[in-house]
């Protein structure tokens, strides 16, 4: 019985930590959406990239066109049709979504970078 309670405690700590990491990404996301220039946006995305890389947070990036259709950004042939971008950050059961109109669409690809 002791082993079961110990295991449940460990699982609870792990899931709480995942939630903490996802909550901490909120202010970094705000920096992206409040960027006034492409350089500010690039710097904000760099900070998010470092955070998601260090904390092993997974992302999905979808491009939204003028009709509201969502497509994986890697499958887009013509990025000039992109009106907004939706980024879903996830770790375990927790997720956070960012939807914004990039100042410079190429900045979005910072999030795909490898270390």
Protein backbone atom coordinates (compact mmCIF):
# COMPACT_ATOMS: atom_id res chain seq x y z
CA UNK A 1 0.00 0.00 0.00
CA UNK A 2 2.88 2.34 0.82
CA UNK A 3 4.34 1.78 -2.65
CA UNK A 4 1.05 2.75 -4.29
CA UNK A 5 0.84 6.02 -2.34
CA UNK A 6 4.47 6.76 -3.13
CA UNK A 7 3.87 6.14 -6.85
CA UNK A 8 0.75 8.33 -6.82
CA UNK A 9 2.71 11.11 -5.10
CA UNK A 10 5.46 10.96 -7.71
CA UNK A 11 2.94 11.06 -10.57
CA UNK A 12 1.19 14.04 -8.97
CA UNK A 13 4.49 15.94 -8.67
CA UNK A 14 5.35 15.22 -12.31
CA UNK A 15 1.96 16.41 -13.59
CA UNK A 16 2.12 19.56 -11.41
CA UNK A 17 5.56 20.36 -12.79
CA UNK A 18 4.28 20.03 -16.37
CA UNK A 19 1.47 22.46 -15.58
CA UNK A 20 3.92 24.91 -14.04
CA UNK A 21 6.11 24.82 -17.15
CA UNK A 22 3.09 25.47 -19.38
CA UNK A 23 1.86 28.35 -17.17
CA UNK A 24 5.29 29.96 -17.32
CA UNK A 25 5.16 30.15 -21.12
CA UNK A 26 2.23 32.62 -20.99
CA UNK A 27 4.32 35.77 -20.45
CA UNK A 28 6.71 34.70 -23.22
CA UNK A 29 3.75 34.34 -25.58
CA UNK A 30 2.58 37.83 -24.61
CA UNK A 31 5.93 39.21 -25.75
CA UNK A 32 5.30 37.78 -29.21
CA UNK A 33 1.84 39.25 -29.59
CA UNK A 34 2.91 42.66 -28.28
CA UNK A 35 5.88 42.97 -30.64
CA UNK A 36 5.83 46.17 -32.68
CA UNK A 37 8.62 45.34 -35.12
CA UNK A 38 9.88 42.23 -36.89
CA UNK A 39 13.07 42.44 -34.81
CA UNK A 40 11.06 42.50 -31.56
CA UNK A 41 9.02 39.55 -32.80
CA UNK A 42 12.19 37.66 -33.71
CA UNK A 43 13.68 38.26 -30.26
CA UNK A 44 10.44 37.17 -28.53
CA UNK A 45 10.31 33.99 -30.63
CA UNK A 46 13.96 33.30 -29.76
CA UNK A 47 13.05 33.46 -26.05
CA UNK A 48 10.11 31.10 -26.57
CA UNK A 49 12.28 28.71 -28.59
CA UNK A 50 14.87 28.58 -25.82
CA UNK A 51 12.18 27.93 -23.21
CA UNK A 52 10.44 25.16 -25.16
CA UNK A 53 13.79 23.57 -26.01
CA UNK A 54 15.03 23.64 -22.39
CA UNK A 55 11.72 22.31 -21.03
CA UNK A 56 10.99 19.76 -23.79
CA UNK A 57 7.70 21.34 -24.76
CA UNK A 58 6.26 20.13 -28.05
CA UNK A 59 4.76 22.44 -30.66
CA UNK A 60 2.38 22.22 -33.58
CA UNK A 61 2.30 25.17 -35.99
CA UNK A 62 -0.69 25.72 -38.22
CA UNK A 63 -1.08 28.39 -40.88
CA UNK A 64 -4.51 30.00 -41.23
CA UNK A 65 -5.49 31.37 -44.64
CA UNK A 66 -8.07 34.04 -45.54
CA UNK A 67 -10.87 31.45 -45.59
CA UNK A 68 -9.99 30.28 -42.08
CA UNK A 69 -8.57 26.96 -43.27
CA UNK A 70 -5.77 25.59 -41.10
CA UNK A 71 -2.82 23.75 -42.62
CA UNK A 72 0.44 22.52 -41.14
CA UNK A 73 2.82 25.36 -41.97
CA UNK A 74 5.36 22.91 -43.38
CA UNK A 75 2.83 21.90 -46.04
CA UNK A 76 2.24 25.47 -47.26
CA UNK A 77 3.62 26.24 -50.70
CA UNK A 78 2.78 29.94 -50.66
CA UNK A 79 3.22 31.72 -47.33
CA UNK A 80 1.80 34.96 -48.76
CA UNK A 81 -1.69 33.50 -48.20
CA UNK A 82 -1.11 33.10 -44.46
CA UNK A 83 -3.27 35.50 -42.45
CA UNK A 84 -2.56 34.11 -38.97
CA UNK A 85 -0.54 31.40 -37.31
CA UNK A 86 -1.69 29.08 -34.53
CA UNK A 87 0.97 27.52 -32.33
CA UNK A 88 -0.06 24.80 -29.89
CA UNK A 89 2.44 24.22 -27.10
CA UNK A 90 1.99 20.95 -25.21
CA UNK A 91 3.60 18.84 -22.56
CA UNK A 92 1.86 15.84 -21.12
CA UNK A 93 -1.80 16.65 -20.53
CA UNK A 94 -1.21 20.43 -20.55
CA UNK A 95 -1.34 22.75 -23.54
CA UNK A 96 -1.36 26.44 -24.39
CA UNK A 97 -2.32 28.01 -27.71
CA UNK A 98 -1.05 31.16 -29.37
CA UNK A 99 -2.81 32.62 -32.40
CA UNK A 100 -1.41 35.78 -33.96
CA UNK A 101 -0.59 37.56 -37.19
CA UNK A 102 3.19 37.50 -37.56
CA UNK A 103 4.87 40.72 -38.58
CA UNK A 104 7.40 38.66 -40.55
CA UNK A 105 6.14 35.18 -41.45
CA UNK A 106 9.69 33.82 -41.68
CA UNK A 107 10.15 34.49 -37.96
CA UNK A 108 7.76 31.62 -37.23
CA UNK A 109 10.36 29.13 -38.44
CA UNK A 110 12.62 30.06 -35.49
CA UNK A 111 10.47 27.65 -33.47
CA UNK A 112 11.53 24.73 -35.71
CA UNK A 113 15.22 25.25 -35.13
CA UNK A 114 17.36 22.54 -33.61
CA UNK A 115 20.00 23.23 -31.03
